[in-house]
Amino acid sequence: MALSESRSGVPEDWFVDPVRLGVPGVRKEAGDGDLLSWQSDSLCAQTDPEAFFPEKGGSTRDAKKICSSCEVRTQCLQYALANDERFGIWGGLSERERRKLRKRAS
């Protein structure tokens, strides 16, 4: 038996932090300084990314359907607006919809 194993046969270093692995549904504490910690709970991270970046003229319906039930949709949209994301579906809105939202807020 290796020195790092306990009497039960389980290595002492068996635990891997799920946050570090990026396991969906496991979020870092809000005060840890990671402004992107919400991404670990995003539904888009668990689905096909191509749906969120359709080709010009392509359908956004599937991506928006996923976004509609995502618990971090608001954080996602806030991130996209704050970082001027110009491509893809973020927070349930397309590039054009985010542009309109920015104009109305001005």
PDB file of N, CA and C in Angstrom:
ATOM      1  N   MET A   1       0.851  -1.180   0.000  1.00  0.00           N
ATOM      2  CA  MET A   1       0.000   0.000   0.000  1.00  0.00           C
ATOM      3  C   MET A   1       0.895   1.241   0.000  1.00  0.00           C
ATOM      4  N   ALA A   2       0.535   2.228  -0.817  1.00  0.00           N
ATOM      5  CA  ALA A   2       1.306   3.464  -0.908  1.00  0.00           C
ATOM      6  C   ALA A   2       1.146   4.258   0.384  1.00  0.00           C
ATOM      7  N   LEU A   3       2.121   5.084   0.649  1.00  0.00           N
ATOM      8  CA  LEU A   3       2.079   5.896   1.860  1.00  0.00           C
ATOM      9  C   LEU A   3       0.905   6.852   1.888  1.00  0.00           C
ATOM     10  N   SER A   4       0.447   7.303   0.722  1.00  0.00           N
ATOM     11  CA  SER A   4      -0.642   8.272   0.690  1.00  0.00           C
ATOM     12  C   SER A   4      -2.014   7.633   0.868  1.00  0.00           C
ATOM     13  N   GLU A   5      -2.096   6.317   0.939  1.00  0.00           N
ATOM     14  CA  GLU A   5      -3.382   5.650   1.106  1.00  0.00           C
ATOM     15  C   GLU A   5      -3.669   5.386   2.577  1.00  0.00           C
ATOM     16  N   SER A   6      -4.929   5.539   2.944  1.00  0.00           N
ATOM     17  CA  SER A   6      -5.322   5.254   4.320  1.00  0.00           C
ATOM     18  C   SER A   6      -5.586   3.761   4.457  1.00  0.00           C
ATOM     19  N   ARG A   7      -5.982   3.328   5.605  1.00  0.00           N
ATOM     20  CA  ARG A   7      -6.251   1.913   5.853  1.00  0.00           C
ATOM     21  C   ARG A   7      -7.400   1.391   4.997  1.00  0.00           C
ATOM     22  N   SER A   8      -8.307   2.266   4.583  1.00  0.00           N
ATOM     23  CA  SER A   8      -9.451   1.822   3.782  1.00  0.00           C
ATOM     24  C   SER A   8      -9.065   1.582   2.335  1.00  0.00           C
ATOM     25  N   GLY A   9      -7.859   1.932   1.947  1.00  0.00           N
ATOM     26  CA  GLY A   9      -7.424   1.748   0.578  1.00  0.00           C
ATOM     27  C   GLY A   9      -7.724   2.938  -0.321  1.00  0.00           C
ATOM     28  N   VAL A  10      -8.306   3.995   0.241  1.00  0.00           N
ATOM     29  CA  VAL A  10      -8.626   5.196  -0.529  1.00  0.00           C
ATOM     30  C   VAL A  10      -7.467   6.181  -0.385  1.00  0.00           C
ATOM     31  N   PRO A  11      -6.908   6.630  -1.488  1.00  0.00           N
ATOM     32  CA  PRO A  11      -5.808   7.596  -1.396  1.00  0.00           C
ATOM     33  C   PRO A  11      -6.254   8.863  -0.682  1.00  0.00           C
ATOM     34  N   GLU A  12      -5.354   9.461   0.091  1.00  0.00           N
ATOM     35  CA  GLU A  12      -5.681  10.683   0.817  1.00  0.00           C
ATOM     36  C   GLU A  12      -5.988  11.837  -0.125  1.00  0.00           C
ATOM     37  N   ASP A  13      -5.411  11.822  -1.325  1.00  0.00           N
ATOM     38  CA  ASP A  13      -5.614  12.923  -2.268  1.00  0.00           C
ATOM     39  C   ASP A  13      -6.698  12.609  -3.305  1.00  0.00           C
ATOM     40  N   TRP A  14      -7.667  11.794  -2.947  1.00  0.00           N
ATOM     41  CA  TRP A  14      -8.701  11.381  -3.885  1.00  0.00           C
ATOM     42  C   TRP A  14      -9.629  12.514  -4.271  1.00  0.00           C
ATOM     43  N   PHE A  15      -9.821  13.487  -3.392  1.00  0.00           N
ATOM     44  CA  PHE A  15     -10.788  14.559  -3.634  1.00  0.00           C
ATOM     45  C   PHE A  15     -10.230  15.580  -4.611  1.00  0.00           C
ATOM     46  N   VAL A  16     -11.031  15.880  -5.637  1.00  0.00           N
ATOM     47  CA  VAL A  16     -10.698  16.945  -6.581  1.00  0.00           C
ATOM     48  C   VAL A  16     -11.814  17.972  -6.494  1.00  0.00           C
ATOM     49  N   ASP A  17     -11.457  19.206  -6.265  1.00  0.00           N
ATOM     50  CA  ASP A  17     -12.426  20.283  -6.109  1.00  0.00           C
ATOM     51  C   ASP A  17     -13.304  20.399  -7.365  1.00  0.00           C
ATOM     52  N   PRO A  18     -14.627  20.210  -7.254  1.00  0.00           N
ATOM     53  CA  PRO A  18     -15.505  20.280  -8.428  1.00  0.00           C
ATOM     54  C   PRO A  18     -15.533  21.660  -9.077  1.00  0.00           C
ATOM     55  N   VAL A  19     -15.287  22.707  -8.307  1.00  0.00           N
ATOM     56  CA  VAL A  19     -15.223  24.053  -8.884  1.00  0.00           C
ATOM     57  C   VAL A  19     -14.042  24.150  -9.831  1.00  0.00           C
ATOM     58  N   ARG A  20     -12.909  23.598  -9.397  1.00  0.00           N
ATOM     59  CA  ARG A  20     -11.713  23.627 -10.244  1.00  0.00           C
ATOM     60  C   ARG A  20     -11.904  22.811 -11.513  1.00  0.00           C
ATOM     61  N   LEU A  21     -12.690  21.751 -11.418  1.00  0.00           N
ATOM     62  CA  LEU A  21     -12.984  20.930 -12.581  1.00  0.00           C
ATOM     63  C   LEU A  21     -14.006  21.583 -13.503  1.00  0.00           C
ATOM     64  N   GLY A  22     -14.747  22.563 -12.988  1.00  0.00           N
ATOM     65  CA  GLY A  22     -15.778  23.204 -13.781  1.00  0.00           C
ATOM     66  C   GLY A  22     -17.059  22.398 -13.864  1.00  0.00           C
ATOM     67  N   VAL A  23     -17.366  21.666 -12.818  1.00  0.00           N
ATOM     68  CA  VAL A  23     -18.575  20.849 -12.797  1.00  0.00           C
ATOM     69  C   VAL A  23     -19.800  21.769 -12.767  1.00  0.00           C
ATOM     70  N   PRO A  24     -20.736  21.597 -13.703  1.00  0.00           N
ATOM     71  CA  PRO A  24     -21.932  22.431 -13.720  1.00  0.00           C
ATOM     72  C   PRO A  24     -22.715  22.302 -12.423  1.00  0.00           C
ATOM     73  N   GLY A  25     -23.269  23.417 -11.975  1.00  0.00           N
ATOM     74  CA  GLY A  25     -24.068  23.418 -10.762  1.00  0.00           C
ATOM     75  C   GLY A  25     -23.259  23.642  -9.500  1.00  0.00           C
ATOM     76  N   VAL A  26     -21.949  23.726  -9.629  1.00  0.00           N
ATOM     77  CA  VAL A  26     -21.097  23.971  -8.466  1.00  0.00           C
ATOM     78  C   VAL A  26     -20.439  25.326  -8.676  1.00  0.00           C
ATOM     79  N   ARG A  27     -20.735  26.242  -7.827  1.00  0.00           N
ATOM     80  CA  ARG A  27     -20.313  27.620  -8.010  1.00  0.00           C
ATOM     81  C   ARG A  27     -19.337  28.041  -6.917  1.00  0.00           C
ATOM     82  N   LYS A  28     -18.385  28.871  -7.300  1.00  0.00           N
ATOM     83  CA  LYS A  28     -17.478  29.456  -6.311  1.00  0.00           C
ATOM     84  C   LYS A  28     -18.267  30.445  -5.473  1.00  0.00           C
ATOM     85  N   GLU A  29     -17.754  30.740  -4.306  1.00  0.00           N
ATOM     86  CA  GLU A  29     -18.400  31.720  -3.449  1.00  0.00           C
ATOM     87  C   GLU A  29     -18.384  33.074  -4.141  1.00  0.00           C
ATOM     88  N   ALA A  30     -19.435  33.839  -3.944  1.00  0.00           N
ATOM     89  CA  ALA A  30     -19.569  35.127  -4.620  1.00  0.00           C
ATOM     90  C   ALA A  30     -18.447  36.087  -4.259  1.00  0.00           C
ATOM     91  N   GLY A  31     -17.899  35.980  -3.078  1.00  0.00           N
ATOM     92  CA  GLY A  31     -16.873  36.907  -2.643  1.00  0.00           C
ATOM     93  C   GLY A  31     -15.464  36.504  -3.018  1.00  0.00           C
ATOM     94  N   ASP A  32     -15.300  35.508  -3.875  1.00  0.00           N
ATOM     95  CA  ASP A  32     -13.953  35.034  -4.176  1.00  0.00           C
ATOM     96  C   ASP A  32     -13.251  35.853  -5.253  1.00  0.00           C
ATOM     97  N   GLY A  33     -13.934  36.867  -5.802  1.00  0.00           N
ATOM     98  CA  GLY A  33     -13.304  37.728  -6.787  1.00  0.00           C
ATOM     99  C   GLY A  33     -13.408  37.237  -8.212  1.00  0.00           C
ATOM    100  N   ASP A  34     -13.998  36.090  -8.444  1.00  0.00           N
ATOM    101  CA  ASP A  34     -14.141  35.556  -9.792  1.00  0.00           C
ATOM    102  C   ASP A  34     -15.469  36.037 -10.365  1.00  0.00           C
ATOM    103  N   LEU A  35     -15.399  36.998 -11.274  1.00  0.00           N
ATOM    104  CA  LEU A  35     -16.606  37.580 -11.838  1.00  0.00           C
ATOM    105  C   LEU A  35     -17.317  36.641 -12.813  1.00  0.00           C
ATOM    106  N   LEU A  36     -16.675  35.541 -13.165  1.00  0.00           N
ATOM    107  CA  LEU A  36     -17.267  34.596 -14.100  1.00  0.00           C
ATOM    108  C   LEU A  36     -17.748  33.314 -13.430  1.00  0.00           C
ATOM    109  N   SER A  37     -17.826  33.300 -12.125  1.00  0.00           N
ATOM    110  CA  SER A  37     -18.214  32.082 -11.414  1.00  0.00           C
ATOM    111  C   SER A  37     -19.624  31.623 -11.796  1.00  0.00           C
ATOM    112  N   TRP A  38     -20.464  32.528 -12.263  1.00  0.00           N
ATOM    113  CA  TRP A  38     -21.814  32.166 -12.686  1.00  0.00           C
ATOM    114  C   TRP A  38     -21.794  31.181 -13.854  1.00  0.00           C
ATOM    115  N   GLN A  39     -20.723  31.168 -14.634  1.00  0.00           N
ATOM    116  CA  GLN A  39     -20.663  30.303 -15.809  1.00  0.00           C
ATOM    117  C   GLN A  39     -20.736  28.821 -15.470  1.00  0.00           C
ATOM    118  N   SER A  40     -20.317  28.456 -14.268  1.00  0.00           N
ATOM    119  CA  SER A  40     -20.368  27.037 -13.903  1.00  0.00           C
ATOM    120  C   SER A  40     -21.804  26.540 -13.769  1.00  0.00           C
ATOM    121  N   ASP A  41     -22.761  27.461 -13.636  1.00  0.00           N
ATOM    122  CA  ASP A  41     -24.168  27.088 -13.533  1.00  0.00           C
ATOM    123  C   ASP A  41     -24.943  27.332 -14.820  1.00  0.00           C
ATOM    124  N   SER A  42     -24.268  27.756 -15.860  1.00  0.00           N
ATOM    125  CA  SER A  42     -24.968  28.085 -17.104  1.00  0.00           C
ATOM    126  C   SER A  42     -25.354  26.820 -17.876  1.00  0.00           C
ATOM    127  N   LEU A  43     -26.540  26.838 -18.426  1.00  0.00           N
ATOM    128  CA  LEU A  43     -27.015  25.691 -19.212  1.00  0.00           C
ATOM    129  C   LEU A  43     -26.282  25.585 -20.542  1.00  0.00           C
ATOM    130  N   CYS A  44     -25.853  26.711 -21.091  1.00  0.00           N
ATOM    131  CA  CYS A  44     -25.155  26.669 -22.380  1.00  0.00           C
ATOM    132  C   CYS A  44     -23.829  25.925 -22.279  1.00  0.00           C
ATOM    133  N   ALA A  45     -23.232  25.930 -21.110  1.00  0.00           N
ATOM    134  CA  ALA A  45     -21.967  25.219 -20.921  1.00  0.00           C
ATOM    135  C   ALA A  45     -22.159  23.708 -20.984  1.00  0.00           C
ATOM    136  N   GLN A  46     -23.410  23.277 -20.886  1.00  0.00           N
ATOM    137  CA  GLN A  46     -23.718  21.848 -20.898  1.00  0.00           C
ATOM    138  C   GLN A  46     -24.320  21.401 -22.229  1.00  0.00           C
ATOM    139  N   THR A  47     -24.366  22.311 -23.205  1.00  0.00           N
ATOM    140  CA  THR A  47     -24.991  22.001 -24.490  1.00  0.00           C
ATOM    141  C   THR A  47     -24.038  22.343 -25.633  1.00  0.00           C
ATOM    142  N   ASP A  48     -24.517  22.154 -26.836  1.00  0.00           N
ATOM    143  CA  ASP A  48     -23.727  22.420 -28.032  1.00  0.00           C
ATOM    144  C   ASP A  48     -23.496  23.922 -28.196  1.00  0.00           C
ATOM    145  N   PRO A  49     -22.256  24.392 -28.156  1.00  0.00           N
ATOM    146  CA  PRO A  49     -21.994  25.832 -28.260  1.00  0.00           C
ATOM    147  C   PRO A  49     -22.371  26.424 -29.610  1.00  0.00           C
ATOM    148  N   GLU A  50     -22.449  25.605 -30.642  1.00  0.00           N
ATOM    149  CA  GLU A  50     -22.791  26.123 -31.964  1.00  0.00           C
ATOM    150  C   GLU A  50     -24.186  26.734 -31.995  1.00  0.00           C
ATOM    151  N   ALA A  51     -25.078  26.258 -31.149  1.00  0.00           N
ATOM    152  CA  ALA A  51     -26.427  26.818 -31.100  1.00  0.00           C
ATOM    153  C   ALA A  51     -26.400  28.283 -30.664  1.00  0.00           C
ATOM    154  N   PHE A  52     -25.402  28.655 -29.884  1.00  0.00           N
ATOM    155  CA  PHE A  52     -25.319  30.011 -29.343  1.00  0.00           C
ATOM    156  C   PHE A  52     -24.541  30.964 -30.240  1.00  0.00           C
ATOM    157  N   PHE A  53     -23.958  30.441 -31.288  1.00  0.00           N
ATOM    158  CA  PHE A  53     -23.216  31.244 -32.251  1.00  0.00           C
ATOM    159  C   PHE A  53     -23.619  30.841 -33.668  1.00  0.00           C
ATOM    160  N   PRO A  54     -24.904  31.082 -34.007  1.00  0.00           N
ATOM    161  CA  PRO A  54     -25.383  30.678 -35.330  1.00  0.00           C
ATOM    162  C   PRO A  54     -24.749  31.526 -36.433  1.00  0.00           C
ATOM    163  N   GLU A  55     -24.692  30.948 -37.612  1.00  0.00           N
ATOM    164  CA  GLU A  55     -24.188  31.702 -38.749  1.00  0.00           C
ATOM    165  C   GLU A  55     -25.175  32.812 -39.072  1.00  0.00           C
ATOM    166  N   LYS A  56     -24.710  33.826 -39.783  1.00  0.00           N
ATOM    167  CA  LYS A  56     -25.568  34.949 -40.131  1.00  0.00           C
ATOM    168  C   LYS A  56     -26.832  34.436 -40.814  1.00  0.00           C
ATOM    169  N   GLY A  57     -27.975  34.860 -40.285  1.00  0.00           N
ATOM    170  CA  GLY A  57     -29.258  34.425 -40.821  1.00  0.00           C
ATOM    171  C   GLY A  57     -29.753  33.119 -40.229  1.00  0.00           C
ATOM    172  N   GLY A  58     -28.933  32.460 -39.410  1.00  0.00           N
ATOM    173  CA  GLY A  58     -29.320  31.196 -38.793  1.00  0.00           C
ATOM    174  C   GLY A  58     -30.288  31.400 -37.640  1.00  0.00           C
ATOM    175  N   SER A  59     -30.948  30.342 -37.253  1.00  0.00           N
ATOM    176  CA  SER A  59     -31.947  30.404 -36.194  1.00  0.00           C
ATOM    177  C   SER A  59     -31.309  30.547 -34.812  1.00  0.00           C
ATOM    178  N   THR A  60     -31.933  31.373 -33.997  1.00  0.00           N
ATOM    179  CA  THR A  60     -31.504  31.551 -32.606  1.00  0.00           C
ATOM    180  C   THR A  60     -32.499  30.896 -31.647  1.00  0.00           C
ATOM    181  N   ARG A  61     -33.511  30.265 -32.204  1.00  0.00           N
ATOM    182  CA  ARG A  61     -34.609  29.712 -31.402  1.00  0.00           C
ATOM    183  C   ARG A  61     -34.134  28.706 -30.354  1.00  0.00           C
ATOM    184  N   ASP A  62     -33.290  27.738 -30.741  1.00  0.00           N
ATOM    185  CA  ASP A  62     -32.842  26.717 -29.788  1.00  0.00           C
ATOM    186  C   ASP A  62     -32.052  27.326 -28.637  1.00  0.00           C
ATOM    187  N   ALA A  63     -31.153  28.248 -28.965  1.00  0.00           N
ATOM    188  CA  ALA A  63     -30.346  28.883 -27.922  1.00  0.00           C
ATOM    189  C   ALA A  63     -31.233  29.681 -26.966  1.00  0.00           C
ATOM    190  N   LYS A  64     -32.169  30.433 -27.506  1.00  0.00           N
ATOM    191  CA  LYS A  64     -33.047  31.247 -26.660  1.00  0.00           C
ATOM    192  C   LYS A  64     -33.940  30.374 -25.780  1.00  0.00           C
ATOM    193  N   LYS A  65     -34.325  29.223 -26.284  1.00  0.00           N
ATOM    194  CA  LYS A  65     -35.133  28.300 -25.482  1.00  0.00           C
ATOM    195  C   LYS A  65     -34.328  27.806 -24.278  1.00  0.00           C
ATOM    196  N   ILE A  66     -33.065  27.476 -24.503  1.00  0.00           N
ATOM    197  CA  ILE A  66     -32.192  27.047 -23.409  1.00  0.00           C
ATOM    198  C   ILE A  66     -32.009  28.186 -22.415  1.00  0.00           C
ATOM    199  N   CYS A  67     -31.747  29.380 -22.920  1.00  0.00           N
ATOM    200  CA  CYS A  67     -31.550  30.547 -22.051  1.00  0.00           C
ATOM    201  C   CYS A  67     -32.776  30.836 -21.186  1.00  0.00           C
ATOM    202  N   SER A  68     -33.960  30.607 -21.738  1.00  0.00           N
ATOM    203  CA  SER A  68     -35.189  30.948 -21.014  1.00  0.00           C
ATOM    204  C   SER A  68     -35.330  30.194 -19.698  1.00  0.00           C
ATOM    205  N   SER A  69     -34.696  29.040 -19.580  1.00  0.00           N
ATOM    206  CA  SER A  69     -34.800  28.277 -18.331  1.00  0.00           C
ATOM    207  C   SER A  69     -33.488  28.259 -17.544  1.00  0.00           C
ATOM    208  N   CYS A  70     -32.543  29.103 -17.929  1.00  0.00           N
ATOM    209  CA  CYS A  70     -31.243  29.139 -17.260  1.00  0.00           C
ATOM    210  C   CYS A  70     -31.282  30.061 -16.040  1.00  0.00           C
ATOM    211  N   GLU A  71     -30.793  29.576 -14.924  1.00  0.00           N
ATOM    212  CA  GLU A  71     -30.852  30.347 -13.679  1.00  0.00           C
ATOM    213  C   GLU A  71     -29.846  31.496 -13.623  1.00  0.00           C
ATOM    214  N   VAL A  72     -28.880  31.528 -14.528  1.00  0.00           N
ATOM    215  CA  VAL A  72     -27.887  32.611 -14.511  1.00  0.00           C
ATOM    216  C   VAL A  72     -28.025  33.516 -15.741  1.00  0.00           C
ATOM    217  N   ARG A  73     -29.197  33.523 -16.321  1.00  0.00           N
ATOM    218  CA  ARG A  73     -29.447  34.323 -17.521  1.00  0.00           C
ATOM    219  C   ARG A  73     -29.149  35.807 -17.292  1.00  0.00           C
ATOM    220  N   THR A  74     -29.554  36.341 -16.162  1.00  0.00           N
ATOM    221  CA  THR A  74     -29.334  37.760 -15.864  1.00  0.00           C
ATOM    222  C   THR A  74     -27.849  38.082 -15.781  1.00  0.00           C
ATOM    223  N   GLN A  75     -27.080  37.250 -15.077  1.00  0.00           N
ATOM    224  CA  GLN A  75     -25.635  37.478 -14.972  1.00  0.00           C
ATOM    225  C   GLN A  75     -24.975  37.392 -16.340  1.00  0.00           C
ATOM    226  N   CYS A  76     -25.435  36.469 -17.166  1.00  0.00           N
ATOM    227  CA  CYS A  76     -24.899  36.290 -18.505  1.00  0.00           C
ATOM    228  C   CYS A  76     -25.132  37.546 -19.347  1.00  0.00           C
ATOM    229  N   LEU A  77     -26.346  38.059 -19.314  1.00  0.00           N
ATOM    230  CA  LEU A  77     -26.666  39.260 -20.077  1.00  0.00           C
ATOM    231  C   LEU A  77     -25.875  40.455 -19.559  1.00  0.00           C
ATOM    232  N   GLN A  78     -25.777  40.587 -18.248  1.00  0.00           N
ATOM    233  CA  GLN A  78     -24.993  41.684 -17.675  1.00  0.00           C
ATOM    234  C   GLN A  78     -23.539  41.607 -18.130  1.00  0.00           C
ATOM    235  N   TYR A  79     -22.980  40.411 -18.140  1.00  0.00           N
ATOM    236  CA  TYR A  79     -21.601  40.230 -18.597  1.00  0.00           C
ATOM    237  C   TYR A  79     -21.462  40.654 -20.057  1.00  0.00           C
ATOM    238  N   ALA A  80     -22.393  40.201 -20.901  1.00  0.00           N
ATOM    239  CA  ALA A  80     -22.326  40.517 -22.334  1.00  0.00           C
ATOM    240  C   ALA A  80     -22.415  42.021 -22.570  1.00  0.00           C
ATOM    241  N   LEU A  81     -23.297  42.686 -21.854  1.00  0.00           N
ATOM    242  CA  LEU A  81     -23.441  44.133 -22.014  1.00  0.00           C
ATOM    243  C   LEU A  81     -22.217  44.878 -21.497  1.00  0.00           C
ATOM    244  N   ALA A  82     -21.701  44.455 -20.358  1.00  0.00           N
ATOM    245  CA  ALA A  82     -20.528  45.120 -19.770  1.00  0.00           C
ATOM    246  C   ALA A  82     -19.275  44.922 -20.606  1.00  0.00           C
ATOM    247  N   ASN A  83     -19.198  43.804 -21.319  1.00  0.00           N
ATOM    248  CA  ASN A  83     -18.000  43.483 -22.097  1.00  0.00           C
ATOM    249  C   ASN A  83     -18.203  43.642 -23.600  1.00  0.00           C
ATOM    250  N   ASP A  84     -19.308  44.263 -23.975  1.00  0.00           N
ATOM    251  CA  ASP A  84     -19.611  44.555 -25.378  1.00  0.00           C
ATOM    252  C   ASP A  84     -19.442  43.332 -26.268  1.00  0.00           C
ATOM    253  N   GLU A  85     -20.022  42.205 -25.822  1.00  0.00           N
ATOM    254  CA  GLU A  85     -19.976  40.986 -26.628  1.00  0.00           C
ATOM    255  C   GLU A  85     -20.751  41.229 -27.913  1.00  0.00           C
ATOM    256  N   ARG A  86     -20.117  41.038 -29.033  1.00  0.00           N
ATOM    257  CA  ARG A  86     -20.742  41.355 -30.312  1.00  0.00           C
ATOM    258  C   ARG A  86     -21.227  40.131 -31.073  1.00  0.00           C
ATOM    259  N   PHE A  87     -20.927  38.961 -30.586  1.00  0.00           N
ATOM    260  CA  PHE A  87     -21.313  37.747 -31.289  1.00  0.00           C
ATOM    261  C   PHE A  87     -22.028  36.801 -30.337  1.00  0.00           C
ATOM    262  N   GLY A  88     -22.985  36.069 -30.867  1.00  0.00           N
ATOM    263  CA  GLY A  88     -23.623  35.009 -30.105  1.00  0.00           C
ATOM    264  C   GLY A  88     -24.824  35.443 -29.293  1.00  0.00           C
ATOM    265  N   ILE A  89     -25.460  34.447 -28.721  1.00  0.00           N
ATOM    266  CA  ILE A  89     -26.618  34.636 -27.848  1.00  0.00           C
ATOM    267  C   ILE A  89     -26.097  34.679 -26.419  1.00  0.00           C
ATOM    268  N   TRP A  90     -26.384  35.748 -25.727  1.00  0.00           N
ATOM    269  CA  TRP A  90     -25.966  35.926 -24.334  1.00  0.00           C
ATOM    270  C   TRP A  90     -27.190  36.375 -23.542  1.00  0.00           C
ATOM    271  N   GLY A  91     -27.488  35.682 -22.467  1.00  0.00           N
ATOM    272  CA  GLY A  91     -28.626  36.061 -21.639  1.00  0.00           C
ATOM    273  C   GLY A  91     -29.945  36.020 -22.387  1.00  0.00           C
ATOM    274  N   GLY A  92     -30.004  35.219 -23.424  1.00  0.00           N
ATOM    275  CA  GLY A  92     -31.237  35.077 -24.190  1.00  0.00           C
ATOM    276  C   GLY A  92     -31.436  36.120 -25.275  1.00  0.00           C
ATOM    277  N   LEU A  93     -30.449  36.994 -25.485  1.00  0.00           N
ATOM    278  CA  LEU A  93     -30.574  38.032 -26.505  1.00  0.00           C
ATOM    279  C   LEU A  93     -29.504  37.888 -27.581  1.00  0.00           C
ATOM    280  N   SER A  94     -29.902  38.186 -28.806  1.00  0.00           N
ATOM    281  CA  SER A  94     -28.962  38.176 -29.931  1.00  0.00           C
ATOM    282  C   SER A  94     -28.145  39.471 -29.928  1.00  0.00           C
ATOM    283  N   GLU A  95     -27.169  39.537 -30.824  1.00  0.00           N
ATOM    284  CA  GLU A  95     -26.358  40.756 -30.944  1.00  0.00           C
ATOM    285  C   GLU A  95     -27.252  41.961 -31.231  1.00  0.00           C
ATOM    286  N   ARG A  96     -28.176  41.798 -32.171  1.00  0.00           N
ATOM    287  CA  ARG A  96     -29.076  42.901 -32.543  1.00  0.00           C
ATOM    288  C   ARG A  96     -29.936  43.335 -31.363  1.00  0.00           C
ATOM    289  N   GLU A  97     -30.460  42.379 -30.616  1.00  0.00           N
ATOM    290  CA  GLU A  97     -31.302  42.695 -29.466  1.00  0.00           C
ATOM    291  C   GLU A  97     -30.511  43.403 -28.374  1.00  0.00           C
ATOM    292  N   ARG A  98     -29.264  42.998 -28.178  1.00  0.00           N
ATOM    293  CA  ARG A  98     -28.425  43.680 -27.181  1.00  0.00           C
ATOM    294  C   ARG A  98     -28.102  45.109 -27.616  1.00  0.00           C
ATOM    295  N   ARG A  99     -27.883  45.294 -28.911  1.00  0.00           N
ATOM    296  CA  ARG A  99     -27.620  46.645 -29.435  1.00  0.00           C
ATOM    297  C   ARG A  99     -28.822  47.555 -29.181  1.00  0.00           C
ATOM    298  N   LYS A 100     -30.023  47.052 -29.458  1.00  0.00           N
ATOM    299  CA  LYS A 100     -31.246  47.828 -29.213  1.00  0.00           C
ATOM    300  C   LYS A 100     -31.396  48.164 -27.732  1.00  0.00           C
ATOM    301  N   LEU A 101     -31.089  47.188 -26.894  1.00  0.00           N
ATOM    302  CA  LEU A 101     -31.191  47.401 -25.446  1.00  0.00           C
ATOM    303  C   LEU A 101     -30.221  48.499 -25.001  1.00  0.00           C
ATOM    304  N   ARG A 102     -28.999  48.480 -25.529  1.00  0.00           N
ATOM    305  CA  ARG A 102     -28.015  49.520 -25.192  1.00  0.00           C
ATOM    306  C   ARG A 102     -28.490  50.893 -25.640  1.00  0.00           C
ATOM    307  N   LYS A 103     -29.071  50.969 -26.834  1.00  0.00           N
ATOM    308  CA  LYS A 103     -29.559  52.266 -27.343  1.00  0.00           C
ATOM    309  C   LYS A 103     -30.678  52.814 -26.477  1.00  0.00           C
ATOM    310  N   ARG A 104     -31.592  51.933 -26.042  1.00  0.00           N
ATOM    311  CA  ARG A 104     -32.682  52.382 -25.188  1.00  0.00           C
ATOM    312  C   ARG A 104     -32.171  52.859 -23.837  1.00  0.00           C
ATOM    313  N   ALA A 105     -31.096  52.257 -23.362  1.00  0.00           N
ATOM    314  CA  ALA A 105     -30.541  52.624 -22.051  1.00  0.00           C
ATOM    315  C   ALA A 105     -29.746  53.923 -22.109  1.00  0.00           C
ATOM    316  N   SER A 106     -29.357  54.322 -23.294  1.00  0.00           N
ATOM    317  CA  SER A 106     -28.549  55.559 -23.438  1.00  0.00           C
ATOM    318  C   SER A 106     -29.377  56.800 -23.297  1.00  0.00           C
TER     319      SER A 106
END
